[in-house]
Amino acid sequence: MSVSSSLLRLMAWLSPAFPVGAFSYSHGLEYAVEAGLVGDLAATVDWVKTLLLHGSGRIDADLFLAAYAAETEEALDRVVDLAEAWRGSQELALESAAQGTAFVIAVAAAWPDPWWDRWRARLKAMERSPAYAVAVAVAARRAGIAAPDALAAFLHAFAANLVSAAVRLVPLGQSDGQRAVAALEAVVLEVVAAARTRPPEDRGAATPMLDWCSMNHETQYTRLFRS
């Protein structure tokens, strides 16, 4: 695949228009705003930066590279299982699994490949849903897209989606939203570089405030988002 085709495919997969429902998830941010933890541009950048460096972004980076590197179906099965265990709340698990499942369905429909049908049947037999990061990583490898480029694009989309949620929730203006995205560029690249050299024993994350917000969001009285 040429460089231009790879870029176009990444842009399609990680566009807000791709039918994975990313717009309906705030990843606990809705409750963080309700609780007064996030209320302006600086707090938004700090929140998303923390998730990228120490929370879900770090976990997804490790899962992404592990799935990309899986040489056998059994190795990929282990990554799928690990992804299910690495979620701090019911809503975070739903967010990842629902988007991963929707991503696989959309990719298989638009870019037909018998391999997708086999993997979907295998997941069904295992009673598993693929994490979003795992699904995108598998698609990137099958399309011949370099892992660092695909991971950077995935994490950038993750950050941009949270900023978009903050624009609606805080609320931030559109200009502040773009300032937040710009401020997070270097963080995304830092996370990619760290994930590529991190040994397996150092994998994992610790963002208890995110888990607390996500759990409280489950019973939040007024909600715009599913997480």
Protein backbone atom coordinates (compact mmCIF):
# COMPACT_ATOMS: atom_id res chain seq x y z
CA MET A 1 0.00 0.00 0.00
CA SER A 2 1.37 3.43 -0.87
CA VAL A 3 1.91 6.11 1.74
CA SER A 4 -1.00 8.19 0.44
CA SER A 5 -3.40 5.23 0.58
CA SER A 6 -2.32 4.44 4.14
CA LEU A 7 -2.94 8.02 5.18
CA LEU A 8 -6.37 8.06 3.58
CA ARG A 9 -7.35 4.83 5.28
CA LEU A 10 -6.25 6.07 8.70
CA MET A 11 -8.15 9.30 8.12
CA ALA A 12 -11.29 7.32 7.24
CA TRP A 13 -11.05 4.91 10.17
CA LEU A 14 -10.38 7.56 12.80
CA SER A 15 -12.64 10.27 11.44
CA PRO A 16 -15.58 11.36 13.63
CA ALA A 17 -17.75 10.22 10.71
CA PHE A 18 -16.63 6.58 10.99
CA PRO A 19 -19.57 4.66 12.52
CA VAL A 20 -18.20 3.63 15.90
CA GLY A 21 -20.27 6.09 17.94
CA ALA A 22 -17.25 7.84 19.48
CA PHE A 23 -19.27 11.05 19.85
CA SER A 24 -21.54 9.37 22.41
CA TYR A 25 -18.77 8.64 24.96
CA SER A 26 -17.03 11.09 27.30
CA HIS A 27 -14.82 8.55 29.10
CA GLY A 28 -15.89 9.80 32.52
CA LEU A 29 -15.38 13.44 31.61
CA GLU A 30 -19.07 14.26 31.95
CA TYR A 31 -19.00 13.48 35.66
CA ALA A 32 -15.62 15.20 36.08
CA VAL A 33 -17.24 18.40 34.80
CA GLU A 34 -20.28 17.85 37.04
CA ALA A 35 -17.98 17.39 40.05
CA GLY A 36 -16.05 20.57 39.27
CA LEU A 37 -12.81 18.76 38.43
CA VAL A 38 -12.70 20.11 34.87
CA GLY A 39 -13.97 23.59 34.13
CA ASP A 40 -11.66 25.40 31.72
CA LEU A 41 -9.05 24.97 29.00
CA ALA A 42 -6.13 24.30 31.33
CA ALA A 43 -8.02 21.65 33.29
CA THR A 44 -9.19 19.98 30.09
CA VAL A 45 -5.65 19.72 28.75
CA ASP A 46 -4.39 18.44 32.09
CA TRP A 47 -7.17 15.82 32.32
CA VAL A 48 -6.59 14.43 28.83
CA LYS A 49 -2.81 14.61 29.24
CA THR A 50 -3.04 12.54 32.42
CA LEU A 51 -5.18 9.91 30.70
CA LEU A 52 -2.70 9.69 27.83
CA LEU A 53 0.39 9.44 30.00
CA HIS A 54 -0.89 7.44 32.96
CA GLY A 55 -4.36 6.09 32.22
CA SER A 56 -6.44 4.74 29.36
CA GLY A 57 -4.18 6.17 26.67
CA ARG A 58 -1.17 4.37 28.12
CA ILE A 59 -3.14 1.10 28.42
CA ASP A 60 -4.50 1.37 24.89
CA ALA A 61 -1.02 2.08 23.53
CA ASP A 62 0.27 -1.14 25.08
CA LEU A 63 -2.73 -3.12 23.86
CA PHE A 64 -2.40 -1.64 20.39
CA LEU A 65 1.24 -2.63 19.99
CA ALA A 66 0.64 -6.08 21.49
CA ALA A 67 -2.23 -6.75 19.07
CA TYR A 68 -0.22 -5.40 16.15
CA ALA A 69 2.68 -7.71 17.01
CA ALA A 70 0.55 -10.84 17.55
CA GLU A 71 1.76 -13.49 15.12
CA THR A 72 -0.86 -16.15 15.85
CA GLU A 73 -4.56 -16.30 16.58
CA GLU A 74 -3.76 -17.59 20.07
CA ALA A 75 -1.49 -14.60 20.75
CA LEU A 76 -4.23 -12.25 19.63
CA ASP A 77 -6.71 -14.09 21.86
CA ARG A 78 -4.50 -13.32 24.86
CA VAL A 79 -4.47 -9.61 23.98
CA VAL A 80 -8.27 -9.62 23.66
CA ASP A 81 -8.53 -11.20 27.12
CA LEU A 82 -6.05 -8.73 28.61
CA ALA A 83 -7.99 -5.81 27.18
CA GLU A 84 -11.16 -7.00 28.91
CA ALA A 85 -9.35 -7.18 32.25
CA TRP A 86 -7.79 -3.74 31.89
CA ARG A 87 -10.93 -1.68 32.43
CA GLY A 88 -11.77 0.09 35.66
CA SER A 89 -15.54 0.29 35.33
CA GLN A 90 -18.52 -1.15 33.51
CA GLU A 91 -18.93 1.95 31.35
CA LEU A 92 -15.28 2.06 30.31
CA ALA A 93 -15.48 -1.59 29.33
CA LEU A 94 -18.68 -0.95 27.35
CA GLU A 95 -17.12 2.06 25.60
CA SER A 96 -14.11 0.10 24.40
CA ALA A 97 -15.96 -3.09 23.45
CA ALA A 98 -18.83 -1.34 21.67
CA GLN A 99 -16.51 0.80 19.59
CA GLY A 100 -14.25 -2.15 18.83
CA THR A 101 -17.16 -4.27 17.65
CA ALA A 102 -18.59 -1.43 15.54
CA PHE A 103 -15.16 -0.77 14.03
CA VAL A 104 -14.71 -4.39 12.92
CA ILE A 105 -18.19 -4.47 11.37
CA ALA A 106 -17.60 -1.23 9.45
CA VAL A 107 -14.13 -2.20 8.22
CA ALA A 108 -15.29 -5.65 7.11
CA ALA A 109 -18.18 -4.10 5.18
CA ALA A 110 -16.16 -1.40 3.41
CA TRP A 111 -12.90 -3.33 2.88
CA PRO A 112 -14.00 -6.98 2.53
CA ASP A 113 -11.51 -9.58 3.71
CA PRO A 114 -12.35 -13.21 4.62
CA TRP A 115 -10.01 -12.87 7.59
CA TRP A 116 -12.43 -10.50 9.30
CA ASP A 117 -15.23 -13.05 9.02
CA ARG A 118 -13.02 -15.73 10.58
CA TRP A 119 -11.96 -13.44 13.43
CA ARG A 120 -15.50 -12.37 14.15
CA ALA A 121 -16.56 -16.03 14.31
CA ARG A 122 -13.65 -16.78 16.64
CA LEU A 123 -14.58 -13.89 18.93
CA LYS A 124 -18.20 -15.04 18.99
CA ALA A 125 -17.13 -18.55 19.96
CA MET A 126 -14.98 -17.09 22.75
CA GLU A 127 -17.85 -14.80 23.83
CA ARG A 128 -15.51 -11.84 23.56
CA SER A 129 -15.71 -8.36 22.05
CA PRO A 130 -12.53 -6.74 20.74
CA ALA A 131 -11.30 -3.62 22.50
CA TYR A 132 -11.27 -0.59 20.21
CA ALA A 133 -7.48 -0.28 20.35
CA VAL A 134 -7.07 -3.97 19.51
CA ALA A 135 -9.45 -3.77 16.55
CA VAL A 136 -7.73 -0.73 15.05
CA ALA A 137 -4.30 -2.29 15.54
CA VAL A 138 -5.35 -5.46 13.73
CA ALA A 139 -6.79 -3.46 10.85
CA ALA A 140 -3.62 -1.35 10.61
CA ARG A 141 -1.40 -4.40 10.42
CA ARG A 142 -3.56 -6.08 7.80
CA ALA A 143 -3.49 -2.89 5.74
CA GLY A 144 0.29 -2.61 6.01
CA ILE A 145 0.21 0.66 7.96
CA ALA A 146 3.25 1.18 10.17
CA ALA A 147 2.54 0.64 13.86
CA PRO A 148 3.93 4.01 15.10
CA ASP A 149 1.88 5.97 12.57
CA ALA A 150 -1.30 4.02 13.28
CA LEU A 151 -0.86 4.29 17.06
CA ALA A 152 -0.21 8.04 16.89
CA ALA A 153 -3.35 8.51 14.80
CA PHE A 154 -5.40 6.37 17.21
CA LEU A 155 -4.23 8.27 20.30
CA HIS A 156 -4.74 11.61 18.58
CA ALA A 157 -8.32 10.60 17.78
CA PHE A 158 -8.82 9.51 21.41
CA ALA A 159 -7.59 12.88 22.67
CA ALA A 160 -9.56 14.86 20.09
CA ASN A 161 -12.77 13.05 21.01
CA LEU A 162 -12.33 13.93 24.68
CA VAL A 163 -11.64 17.55 23.76
CA SER A 164 -14.80 17.54 21.63
CA ALA A 165 -16.75 16.30 24.64
CA ALA A 166 -15.22 19.07 26.77
CA VAL A 167 -16.23 21.68 24.18
CA ARG A 168 -19.83 20.61 24.74
CA LEU A 169 -19.68 19.94 28.48
CA VAL A 170 -17.50 22.64 30.09
CA PRO A 171 -18.31 24.35 27.73
CA LEU A 172 -15.21 25.41 25.84
CA GLY A 173 -15.29 27.55 22.73
CA GLN A 174 -14.22 26.04 19.42
CA SER A 175 -10.97 28.02 19.48
CA ASP A 176 -10.09 26.73 22.95
CA GLY A 177 -10.91 23.23 21.74
CA GLN A 178 -8.33 23.56 18.98
CA ARG A 179 -5.82 25.02 21.42
CA ALA A 180 -6.30 21.91 23.56
CA VAL A 181 -5.76 19.58 20.60
CA ALA A 182 -2.62 21.49 19.64
CA ALA A 183 -1.28 21.33 23.20
CA LEU A 184 -1.74 17.55 23.26
CA GLU A 185 0.23 16.83 20.07
CA ALA A 186 3.56 16.47 21.87
CA VAL A 187 1.95 14.33 24.55
CA VAL A 188 0.62 11.88 21.95
CA LEU A 189 4.08 11.53 20.43
CA GLU A 190 5.58 11.02 23.89
CA VAL A 191 3.12 8.23 24.65
CA VAL A 192 3.87 6.49 21.34
CA ALA A 193 7.63 6.66 21.94
CA ALA A 194 7.30 5.36 25.50
CA ALA A 195 5.03 2.47 24.50
CA ARG A 196 7.48 1.28 21.85
CA THR A 197 10.24 0.77 24.43
CA ARG A 198 8.22 -0.16 27.53
CA PRO A 199 8.95 -3.69 28.83
CA PRO A 200 5.95 -5.94 29.56
CA GLU A 201 6.51 -5.77 33.32
CA ASP A 202 5.97 -2.00 33.26
CA ARG A 203 2.61 -2.13 31.50
CA GLY A 204 -0.49 -0.94 33.28
CA ALA A 205 -1.91 2.33 34.57
CA ALA A 206 -3.23 4.02 37.68
CA THR A 207 -5.82 6.78 37.34
CA PRO A 208 -8.27 6.14 40.21
CA MET A 209 -9.95 9.51 39.72
CA LEU A 210 -11.00 8.47 36.21
CA ASP A 211 -12.44 5.21 37.57
CA TRP A 212 -14.26 7.11 40.31
CA CYS A 213 -15.76 9.54 37.78
CA SER A 214 -16.76 6.71 35.47
CA MET A 215 -18.47 4.77 38.27
CA ASN A 216 -20.34 7.86 39.44
CA HIS A 217 -21.39 8.61 35.88
CA GLU A 218 -23.38 5.36 35.87
CA THR A 219 -25.90 6.94 38.26
CA GLN A 220 -25.50 10.60 37.26
CA TYR A 221 -28.96 12.19 37.14
CA THR A 222 -28.61 14.07 33.84
CA ARG A 223 -26.36 12.58 31.16
CA LEU A 224 -25.54 13.45 27.57
CA PHE A 225 -22.99 10.68 27.09
CA ARG A 226 -22.91 6.90 27.56
CA SER A 227 -19.72 7.04 29.62
